[in-house]
Protein backbone atom coordinates (compact mmCIF):
# COMPACT_ATOMS: atom_id res chain seq x y z
CA MET A 1 -1.36 7.43 6.52
CA LYS A 2 -0.04 4.84 8.74
CA ARG A 3 3.23 3.26 8.21
CA ALA A 4 4.82 2.57 11.51
CA LEU A 5 6.71 -0.69 11.65
CA SER A 6 8.31 -2.70 14.28
CA ALA A 7 11.84 -3.62 13.39
CA SER A 8 11.18 -7.27 14.14
CA THR A 9 8.11 -7.54 12.01
CA ALA A 10 9.06 -5.23 9.20
CA ILE A 11 7.57 -7.01 6.34
CA VAL A 12 4.38 -7.99 8.21
CA LEU A 13 3.83 -4.43 9.07
CA LEU A 14 4.85 -3.19 5.82
CA SER A 15 1.44 -3.00 4.77
CA SER A 16 0.19 -2.08 8.07
CA VAL A 17 2.22 0.75 8.23
CA LEU A 18 2.57 0.51 4.94
CA ALA A 19 -0.33 -0.98 4.63
CA ALA A 20 -2.27 1.57 6.10
CA CYS A 21 -1.56 3.19 2.94
CA GLY A 22 -1.98 6.70 3.22
CA SER A 23 -1.49 7.47 6.82
CA ASP A 24 1.07 8.72 9.24
CA ALA A 25 3.35 6.22 10.80
CA SER A 26 2.69 7.54 14.27
CA ASN A 27 -1.05 7.13 13.83
CA ASN A 28 -0.66 3.48 12.86
CA ALA A 29 1.21 2.67 15.99
CA GLY A 30 -1.46 4.36 18.00
CA ALA A 31 -4.38 2.62 16.39
CA SER A 32 -6.51 1.18 19.13
CA GLN A 33 -9.37 -1.24 19.60
CA SER A 34 -12.35 1.01 19.95
CA ALA A 35 -15.76 1.84 18.62
CA SER A 36 -16.96 5.40 18.25
CA PRO A 37 -19.39 7.38 16.14
CA SER A 38 -17.78 9.45 13.39
CA ALA A 39 -17.40 13.18 14.09
CA GLY A 40 -20.07 15.20 12.40
CA ALA A 41 -22.59 12.31 12.59
CA SER A 42 -25.26 12.12 15.28
CA ALA A 43 -24.18 10.01 18.22
CA SER A 44 -27.71 8.83 18.81
CA SER A 45 -30.32 7.33 16.64
CA SER A 46 -33.70 6.89 18.03
CA ALA A 47 -36.52 5.17 16.09
CA ALA A 48 -38.38 7.68 13.94
CA PRO A 49 -42.18 8.00 14.23
CA SER A 50 -44.13 6.79 11.27
CA ASP A 51 -45.34 10.27 10.48
CA SER A 52 -43.86 11.10 7.13
CA THR A 53 -43.23 14.68 8.07
CA THR A 54 -40.71 13.67 10.69
CA PRO A 55 -37.01 12.99 9.94
CA LYS A 56 -36.25 9.45 8.98
CA GLU A 57 -34.15 7.30 11.28
CA LYS A 58 -30.47 7.72 10.51
CA VAL A 59 -28.74 4.83 8.71
CA THR A 60 -25.98 3.51 10.92
CA ILE A 61 -22.90 2.20 9.06
CA ASN A 62 -20.59 -0.08 10.99
CA LEU A 63 -17.05 0.69 9.73
CA TRP A 64 -14.11 -1.49 10.61
CA SER A 65 -10.47 -0.55 9.99
CA PHE A 66 -6.99 -1.21 11.31
CA THR A 67 -6.07 2.49 11.47
CA ASP A 68 -8.04 5.72 11.89
CA GLU A 69 -7.42 6.68 8.30
CA ILE A 70 -10.79 5.70 6.84
CA PRO A 71 -12.68 6.71 10.02
CA ASN A 72 -11.19 10.17 9.61
CA MET A 73 -12.49 10.23 6.04
CA THR A 74 -15.98 9.95 7.35
CA LYS A 75 -15.53 13.29 9.01
CA LYS A 76 -14.69 14.92 5.69
CA TYR A 77 -17.63 13.05 4.14
CA MET A 78 -20.06 14.39 6.68
CA GLU A 79 -18.56 17.87 6.26
CA THR A 80 -19.17 17.77 2.49
CA HIS A 81 -22.44 15.86 2.71
CA PRO A 82 -24.37 17.78 5.45
CA ASP A 83 -27.67 16.36 4.25
CA ALA A 84 -26.54 12.68 4.49
CA ASN A 85 -28.93 10.81 6.75
CA VAL A 86 -26.16 8.59 8.17
CA GLU A 87 -23.93 8.01 11.12
CA PHE A 88 -20.73 5.98 11.18
CA LYS A 89 -19.99 3.65 14.03
CA THR A 90 -16.28 2.97 13.82
CA THR A 91 -14.21 0.13 15.17
CA VAL A 92 -10.43 0.43 14.91
CA ILE A 93 -8.24 -2.50 15.74
CA ALA A 94 -4.50 -2.34 14.93
CA THR A 95 -2.82 -5.09 12.95
CA THR A 96 -0.19 -5.26 15.62
CA ASP A 97 0.11 -8.77 17.00
CA GLY A 98 -2.29 -10.00 14.37
CA ALA A 99 -5.37 -8.71 16.22
CA TYR A 100 -7.39 -7.25 13.35
CA GLN A 101 -8.09 -10.23 11.11
CA PRO A 102 -9.34 -12.65 13.69
CA ALA A 103 -11.68 -9.97 15.15
CA LEU A 104 -12.95 -9.00 11.65
CA ASP A 105 -13.46 -12.62 10.67
CA GLN A 106 -15.50 -13.32 13.83
CA ALA A 107 -17.62 -10.17 13.25
CA LEU A 108 -18.27 -11.01 9.60
CA ALA A 109 -19.20 -14.61 10.42
CA GLY A 110 -21.44 -13.53 13.27
CA GLY A 111 -23.48 -11.27 11.10
CA GLY A 112 -26.44 -9.36 12.48
CA LYS A 113 -26.80 -5.63 13.21
CA ASP A 114 -23.35 -5.31 14.70
CA ALA A 115 -21.50 -6.93 11.76
CA PRO A 116 -19.23 -4.64 9.70
CA ASP A 117 -21.02 -2.88 6.80
CA LEU A 118 -17.74 -1.53 5.52
CA TYR A 119 -14.32 -2.90 6.27
CA ALA A 120 -10.73 -2.25 5.21
CA ALA A 121 -8.02 -4.73 4.17
CA GLU A 122 -4.44 -3.94 3.45
CA SER A 123 -2.23 -5.42 0.65
CA ALA A 124 -0.58 -7.95 3.02
CA PHE A 125 -3.88 -9.77 3.50
CA VAL A 126 -6.42 -8.18 1.14
CA LEU A 127 -6.66 -11.25 -1.18
CA LYS A 128 -8.15 -13.24 1.70
CA TYR A 129 -11.16 -10.85 1.60
CA THR A 130 -11.46 -10.23 -2.13
CA GLN A 131 -10.52 -13.61 -3.67
CA GLY A 132 -9.77 -16.00 -0.82
CA ASP A 133 -11.29 -17.67 2.25
CA ALA A 134 -13.30 -14.68 3.37
CA SER A 135 -14.25 -13.25 -0.06
CA ASP A 136 -17.87 -14.45 0.07
CA TYR A 137 -18.66 -11.86 2.71
CA ALA A 138 -17.89 -8.99 0.34
CA ALA A 139 -20.50 -7.36 -1.92
CA ASN A 140 -19.86 -6.89 -5.55
CA TYR A 141 -19.48 -3.18 -6.37
CA ALA A 142 -21.90 -3.76 -9.22
CA ASP A 143 -24.54 -4.84 -6.72
CA LEU A 144 -24.08 -1.47 -4.98
CA GLY A 145 -24.75 0.22 -8.28
CA LEU A 146 -21.04 1.00 -8.86
CA GLY A 147 -20.45 -0.35 -12.33
CA ASP A 148 -17.30 -0.82 -14.44
CA ASP A 149 -18.01 2.38 -16.30
CA LEU A 150 -17.17 4.38 -13.17
CA VAL A 151 -13.94 2.51 -12.74
CA LYS A 152 -13.01 3.22 -16.37
CA ASP A 153 -14.06 6.86 -16.27
CA ALA A 154 -11.91 7.42 -13.15
CA GLY A 155 -8.85 5.81 -14.68
CA ILE A 156 -8.36 3.49 -11.70
CA ALA A 157 -5.01 1.73 -11.72
CA GLN A 158 -5.51 -1.77 -13.12
CA TYR A 159 -3.49 -3.54 -10.40
CA SER A 160 -5.90 -2.15 -7.83
CA VAL A 161 -8.89 -3.54 -9.75
CA ASP A 162 -7.22 -6.96 -10.31
CA ILE A 163 -6.49 -7.35 -6.57
CA GLY A 164 -9.99 -6.23 -5.62
CA SER A 165 -11.77 -8.60 -8.07
CA LYS A 166 -12.88 -12.22 -7.95
CA ASP A 167 -13.83 -13.99 -11.13
CA GLY A 168 -14.19 -10.59 -12.84
CA ALA A 169 -16.45 -9.13 -10.23
CA LEU A 170 -15.11 -6.12 -8.35
CA LYS A 171 -15.35 -6.36 -4.61
CA GLY A 172 -12.87 -3.75 -3.33
CA LEU A 173 -10.82 -0.80 -4.47
CA ALA A 174 -7.95 1.03 -2.93
CA TYR A 175 -8.26 4.83 -2.65
CA GLN A 176 -4.54 5.29 -2.68
CA ALA A 177 -2.30 4.09 -5.52
CA THR A 178 0.99 2.51 -4.44
CA GLY A 179 2.85 2.05 -7.70
CA GLY A 180 6.55 2.25 -7.03
CA ALA A 181 9.29 4.54 -8.37
CA PHE A 182 13.09 4.82 -7.93
CA ILE A 183 13.76 7.63 -5.47
CA TYR A 184 17.28 8.98 -5.87
CA ARG A 185 19.69 11.65 -4.65
CA ARG A 186 20.16 14.48 -7.09
CA SER A 187 23.60 15.43 -5.98
CA ILE A 188 24.90 11.86 -6.34
CA ALA A 189 23.29 11.58 -9.79
CA LYS A 190 25.06 14.69 -10.95
CA ASP A 191 28.44 13.39 -9.61
CA VAL A 192 28.17 9.95 -11.22
CA PHE A 193 25.92 10.40 -14.23
CA GLY A 194 26.43 14.11 -15.01
CA THR A 195 22.73 15.05 -14.53
CA ASP A 196 19.90 14.63 -12.15
CA ASP A 197 17.26 14.67 -14.90
CA PRO A 198 14.69 11.87 -14.24
CA ALA A 199 14.51 10.93 -17.90
CA THR A 200 18.24 10.27 -18.01
CA ILE A 201 18.47 8.48 -14.66
CA LYS A 202 15.60 6.24 -15.75
CA THR A 203 17.77 4.87 -18.52
CA ALA A 204 20.86 4.71 -16.27
CA VAL A 205 19.26 2.33 -13.78
CA GLY A 206 16.95 0.43 -16.11
CA PRO A 207 14.94 -1.01 -17.63
CA GLY A 208 15.99 -4.36 -16.23
CA TRP A 209 18.31 -5.52 -13.51
CA ASP A 210 21.46 -5.77 -15.68
CA LYS A 211 21.39 -2.00 -16.20
CA PHE A 212 20.67 -1.48 -12.51
CA PHE A 213 23.79 -3.44 -11.48
CA ASP A 214 25.88 -1.68 -14.17
CA ALA A 215 24.80 1.60 -12.46
CA ALA A 216 25.70 0.07 -9.08
CA ALA A 217 29.24 -0.55 -10.26
CA LYS A 218 29.60 3.03 -11.50
CA LEU A 219 28.30 4.41 -8.25
CA LYS A 220 30.64 2.13 -6.23
CA ALA A 221 33.59 3.41 -8.18
CA LYS A 222 32.86 6.85 -6.80
CA GLY A 223 32.20 5.72 -3.26
CA TYR A 224 28.44 5.32 -3.32
CA GLY A 225 26.04 2.47 -2.66
CA ILE A 226 23.06 2.14 -5.00
CA VAL A 227 20.58 1.07 -2.25
CA SER A 228 20.59 0.75 1.47
CA GLY A 229 19.97 -2.99 1.65
CA ASP A 230 18.47 -5.99 -0.18
CA GLY A 231 15.03 -5.17 1.15
CA ASP A 232 15.00 -2.12 -1.14
CA ILE A 233 15.01 -4.34 -4.27
CA TRP A 234 12.79 -7.05 -2.91
CA HIS A 235 9.47 -5.29 -3.49
CA PRO A 236 10.14 -4.51 -7.16
CA ILE A 237 11.26 -8.17 -7.65
CA GLU A 238 8.31 -9.68 -5.73
CA ASN A 239 5.67 -7.62 -7.46
CA SER A 240 7.02 -7.99 -10.99
CA SER A 241 7.17 -11.84 -10.97
CA ASP A 242 5.12 -13.70 -13.54
CA LYS A 243 3.52 -15.97 -10.91
CA GLY A 244 2.89 -15.83 -7.15
CA TRP A 245 3.97 -18.15 -4.40
CA ILE A 246 1.09 -20.51 -4.86
CA VAL A 247 0.30 -22.29 -8.19
CA ASP A 248 -2.35 -25.00 -8.31
CA GLY A 249 -2.23 -25.30 -4.54
CA LYS A 250 1.54 -25.85 -4.40
CA LEU A 251 4.49 -23.61 -3.42
CA HIS A 252 6.02 -22.11 -6.52
CA ILE A 253 9.26 -20.23 -6.71
CA ASP A 254 9.04 -17.86 -9.70
CA PRO A 255 12.45 -17.53 -11.50
CA LYS A 256 12.37 -13.78 -10.94
CA ARG A 257 11.89 -14.26 -7.18
CA GLU A 258 14.57 -16.98 -7.09
CA GLN A 259 16.94 -14.48 -8.73
CA PHE A 260 16.62 -12.37 -5.57
CA LEU A 261 19.02 -14.78 -3.99
CA ASP A 262 21.75 -13.84 -6.44
CA PHE A 263 20.92 -10.14 -6.41
CA SER A 264 21.01 -10.03 -2.59
CA LYS A 265 24.41 -11.72 -2.53
CA GLN A 266 25.66 -9.50 -5.27
CA LEU A 267 24.73 -6.38 -3.36
CA LYS A 268 26.53 -7.62 -0.25
CA ASP A 269 29.65 -9.11 -1.84
CA ASN A 270 30.36 -6.05 -3.95
CA GLY A 271 29.54 -3.48 -1.32
CA TYR A 272 26.81 -2.01 -3.48
CA SER A 273 24.70 -1.41 -0.35
CA ASN A 274 25.20 -0.70 3.36
CA ASP A 275 23.66 -4.14 4.02
CA THR A 276 20.87 -2.62 6.18
CA LYS A 277 17.51 -4.14 7.08
CA ASP A 278 14.49 -2.13 6.15
CA TRP A 279 12.71 -0.33 8.95
CA THR A 280 15.84 -0.03 11.15
CA GLU A 281 17.80 2.96 12.35
CA ALA A 282 20.61 2.15 9.84
CA TRP A 283 18.06 2.23 6.99
CA TYR A 284 16.81 5.62 8.13
CA ALA A 285 20.38 6.88 8.43
CA ASP A 286 20.88 6.26 4.70
CA MET A 287 17.95 8.50 3.97
CA SER A 288 19.71 11.36 5.73
CA GLY A 289 23.04 10.60 4.18
CA THR A 290 24.69 9.62 7.51
CA GLY A 291 25.16 5.94 6.84
CA LYS A 292 28.36 3.96 6.24
CA GLN A 293 28.52 5.16 2.65
CA PRO A 294 26.25 7.63 0.81
CA ILE A 295 23.31 5.77 -0.69
CA PHE A 296 21.91 6.73 -4.12
CA GLY A 297 18.30 5.61 -3.83
CA PHE A 298 15.31 3.71 -2.52
CA PHE A 299 12.39 2.00 -4.20
CA GLY A 300 8.97 2.89 -3.08
CA PRO A 301 5.52 4.46 -3.63
CA ALA A 302 4.59 8.02 -2.74
CA TRP A 303 3.80 6.97 0.84
CA LEU A 304 7.47 6.11 1.37
CA ILE A 305 8.39 9.68 0.39
CA ASN A 306 5.57 11.34 2.36
CA TYR A 307 5.40 9.35 5.52
CA VAL A 308 8.80 7.72 5.98
CA MET A 309 11.51 9.70 4.23
CA ASN A 310 9.91 13.00 5.06
CA GLY A 311 10.72 12.53 8.68
CA GLN A 312 14.16 11.07 8.07
CA VAL A 313 15.97 12.97 5.28
CA LYS A 314 17.04 16.01 7.37
CA ASP A 315 19.82 17.73 5.52
CA THR A 316 19.11 15.87 2.27
CA ASN A 317 15.64 17.37 1.98
CA GLY A 318 15.16 18.74 -1.55
CA ASP A 319 18.06 16.65 -2.86
CA TRP A 320 15.78 13.89 -4.04
CA ALA A 321 13.90 13.04 -7.27
CA VAL A 322 11.81 10.26 -8.61
CA THR A 323 11.98 8.28 -11.83
CA GLU A 324 10.55 5.12 -13.28
CA PRO A 325 12.06 1.99 -11.80
CA PRO A 326 13.84 -0.89 -13.67
CA THR A 327 10.59 -2.84 -13.44
CA GLY A 328 7.03 -1.97 -12.57
CA PHE A 329 5.75 -2.80 -9.05
CA PHE A 330 3.51 -1.66 -6.24
CA TRP A 331 3.90 -1.78 -2.49
CA GLY A 332 1.22 -1.50 0.09
CA GLY A 333 -2.32 -0.20 -0.12
CA THR A 334 -5.66 -0.39 1.73
CA TRP A 335 -8.85 -1.67 -0.02
CA LEU A 336 -12.37 -0.77 0.98
CA LEU A 337 -14.99 -3.49 0.92
CA ALA A 338 -18.71 -3.63 1.73
CA ASN A 339 -20.58 -6.48 3.41
CA LYS A 340 -22.84 -8.34 0.91
CA ASP A 341 -25.70 -8.01 3.47
CA VAL A 342 -25.98 -4.27 2.97
CA VAL A 343 -27.76 -4.84 -0.32
CA LYS A 344 -30.71 -6.34 1.58
CA ASN A 345 -31.69 -2.94 2.97
CA ASP A 346 -32.28 -0.17 0.36
CA ALA A 347 -31.43 2.67 2.68
CA LYS A 348 -28.25 1.07 3.89
CA LYS A 349 -27.22 0.01 0.43
CA ALA A 350 -27.67 3.58 -0.89
CA ALA A 351 -25.73 5.05 2.06
CA VAL A 352 -22.83 2.56 1.82
CA ALA A 353 -22.65 2.94 -1.99
CA ASP A 354 -22.51 6.76 -1.79
CA PHE A 355 -19.62 6.67 0.72
CA VAL A 356 -17.75 3.94 -1.25
CA LYS A 357 -18.11 5.93 -4.49
CA TRP A 358 -17.00 9.14 -2.81
CA VAL A 359 -13.83 7.49 -1.40
CA THR A 360 -12.81 5.42 -4.40
CA LEU A 361 -14.45 6.61 -7.67
CA ASP A 362 -15.41 10.28 -7.35
CA THR A 363 -13.12 12.33 -9.59
CA SER A 364 -14.72 15.73 -8.80
CA ASP A 365 -12.97 18.43 -6.82
CA THR A 366 -15.03 17.51 -3.77
CA GLY A 367 -14.27 13.76 -3.85
CA LEU A 368 -11.88 12.07 -1.45
CA GLN A 369 -9.41 11.35 -4.31
CA SER A 370 -9.06 15.05 -5.12
CA TYR A 371 -8.62 16.05 -1.40
CA TRP A 372 -6.04 13.24 -0.93
CA ALA A 373 -4.00 14.02 -4.00
CA ASN A 374 -3.84 17.75 -3.32
CA GLY A 375 -3.38 17.56 0.40
CA THR A 376 -6.57 19.54 1.17
CA MET A 377 -8.41 17.26 3.51
CA LYS A 378 -8.40 20.09 6.12
CA THR A 379 -9.90 23.29 4.81
CA GLY A 380 -7.44 26.15 4.67
CA GLU A 381 -4.47 23.90 5.50
CA GLN A 382 -1.94 22.39 3.11
CA GLY A 383 -1.57 18.79 3.96
CA THR A 384 0.39 15.83 2.45
CA LYS A 385 -0.13 15.17 -1.22
CA ASP A 386 -0.43 11.59 -2.13
CA SER A 387 -0.74 9.29 -5.17
CA VAL A 388 -4.33 8.14 -5.55
CA ALA A 389 -6.06 5.39 -7.48
CA SER A 390 -7.51 7.69 -10.13
CA SER A 391 -5.14 8.79 -12.84
CA VAL A 392 -7.81 11.27 -13.91
CA VAL A 393 -7.61 13.02 -10.57
CA MET A 394 -3.77 12.98 -10.51
CA SER A 395 -3.59 14.38 -14.04
CA LYS A 396 -5.40 17.53 -12.87
CA SER A 397 -3.67 17.81 -9.51
CA ASN A 398 -0.47 19.50 -8.31
CA GLY A 399 2.00 16.91 -7.22
CA GLU A 400 4.90 19.22 -6.52
CA VAL A 401 6.80 18.13 -3.40
CA ALA A 402 9.54 20.07 -1.54
CA LEU A 403 11.44 16.90 -0.62
CA LEU A 404 11.80 16.15 -4.32
CA GLY A 405 13.14 19.65 -5.09
CA GLY A 406 9.67 20.76 -6.31
CA GLN A 407 9.30 17.93 -8.83
CA ASN A 408 5.70 17.00 -9.72
CA MET A 409 5.75 13.39 -8.55
CA PHE A 410 2.47 12.57 -10.38
CA ASP A 411 4.35 12.74 -13.67
CA VAL A 412 6.16 9.58 -12.51
CA PHE A 413 3.54 7.94 -10.31
CA VAL A 414 0.75 7.88 -12.99
CA PRO A 415 2.85 5.64 -15.24
CA ALA A 416 4.23 3.78 -12.21
CA ASN A 417 0.66 2.85 -11.13
CA ALA A 418 -0.19 1.77 -14.66
CA ASN A 419 2.88 -0.48 -14.84
CA ALA A 420 2.21 -2.33 -11.64
CA THR A 421 0.59 -5.76 -11.68
CA GLY A 422 -1.80 -7.24 -9.13
CA LYS A 423 -1.91 -10.82 -10.62
CA ASN A 424 0.91 -12.44 -8.70
CA LEU A 425 -0.35 -12.15 -5.11
CA THR A 426 -1.73 -14.94 -2.86
CA GLN A 427 -3.39 -14.73 0.53
CA TYR A 428 -0.34 -16.40 2.04
CA ASP A 429 2.15 -13.76 0.94
CA GLU A 430 2.64 -12.15 4.30
CA SER A 431 3.81 -15.43 5.95
CA ILE A 432 5.80 -16.77 3.00
CA ASN A 433 7.61 -13.49 2.46
CA LEU A 434 8.88 -13.51 6.07
CA ILE A 435 10.27 -17.00 5.60
CA TRP A 436 11.89 -16.17 2.24
CA ARG A 437 13.52 -12.94 3.30
CA ASP A 438 15.11 -14.72 6.36
CA GLN A 439 16.45 -17.53 4.19
CA VAL A 440 17.81 -15.16 1.51
CA ARG A 441 19.63 -13.21 4.23
CA GLU A 442 21.37 -16.32 5.42
CA TYR A 443 22.45 -17.14 1.94
CA ALA A 444 23.74 -13.63 1.26
CA ASN A 445 25.72 -13.81 4.54
CA GLY A 446 27.36 -17.04 3.39
CA THR A 447 25.98 -19.23 6.18
CA LYS A 448 24.38 -21.77 3.81
CA SER A 449 24.51 -22.90 0.22
CA ARG A 450 21.96 -21.84 -2.43
CA ASP A 451 20.45 -25.33 -2.58
CA LYS A 452 20.24 -25.60 1.14
CA THR A 453 18.59 -22.23 1.30
CA ILE A 454 15.89 -23.19 -1.17
CA ALA A 455 15.34 -26.63 0.54
CA ASP A 456 15.02 -24.96 3.99
CA PHE A 457 12.58 -22.44 2.59
CA LYS A 458 10.34 -25.06 1.19
CA GLN A 459 10.49 -27.12 4.39
CA LYS A 460 9.58 -24.13 6.56
CA VAL A 461 6.62 -23.22 4.35
CA LYS A 462 5.40 -26.85 4.68
CA ASP A 463 5.91 -26.88 8.42
CA GLN A 464 4.31 -23.49 9.11
CA LEU A 465 1.52 -23.42 6.47
CA GLY A 466 1.08 -26.97 5.43
CA ILE A 467 1.77 -26.16 1.82
CA GLU A 468 3.76 -28.73 -0.22
CA SER A 469 6.21 -27.63 -2.97
CA GLU A 470 5.81 -28.36 -6.61
């Protein structure tokens, strides 16, 4: 569960932090470059004698990740699979300063016994490894013996499958689901709309952005902002667009994304927000109700509630609820991929497949998905509950959260995950989003015209990425 972000690289980290989908912000910041055997696995592996009565040599799985989240899962795996003849050699390199991808790329290209057998990729750059430049290194799940029937039986969120697939072949799955909801203050809802019932608030703020801004006007009339800043609406807009940034090799500005220019300015000009930047102290202050004006809500997945808001809400704890957003979207996530070379060795193929299945597709009470959803990773200790990829697991799990006043968040996040789309991403999103957000902010602040903003955006994408506009 790692979601720490540096204020200056908020969006980049988004998935780091964010991206680390499913981890603690503090852990992400502390991710280090290291290699160590997984706890519970033997630290040594000497060649086994040929005598069939002696134990076979342990299968070593090289696992690469940008946080300690998946490496920590190996500990639970070994605890629940005491007979597994495997050891995990883990390498953790933080995404900070862009260190992870170059190191991973070099290791994949180098091949050999030290190459990654399993590796993680977050939403900000996952398409590079599932569909883009580095996708040929990834094994198809089907070649590991993990067929589409398992995906269907687990009720895996379709957006996760789409992002993890190339030409219909599944290469990676996220264990956590990051479909987004609208997270709102109950007390403000009662004051303005007469109720805090999620079913009613859903129709007050959506569907669609016209209803959202109608709600913003009603909230403003009573002294409230609807969101903290324009970053809060960017993710729903970005991930509900019909097309991504690149179409037929050219920069494409989807009309829904272009509309963000107008929405951002509308929020600022009408005082519908506190004009904060996400991942700053002012943004956090709005979670605790200590900002310039009280803020009604935020857009985000379960991890935003669990790993960001949980440490910031303070006196507003329990005064929150979730409902379906004006438009479906997802934000963040970590996908697990296997090196195609593992299928060349039957023992390694079986070991890798078993771990991948346990993490992403096992819907039993002893699968990672169940432990993750119910917060039971540590025996006898109630941990953080989280939205997972399997709707089957969430439907039989308890998603009641104190921060949400005891609401079962899975009632909202199951449909939220189903309503998200993964068909509008490109491997260049991380870089292009940074350029776009900066340009939109200048427009909203009135420092340049709309036409100039779009022209500058196109030029910067060309200069920095060599991508021409349509």
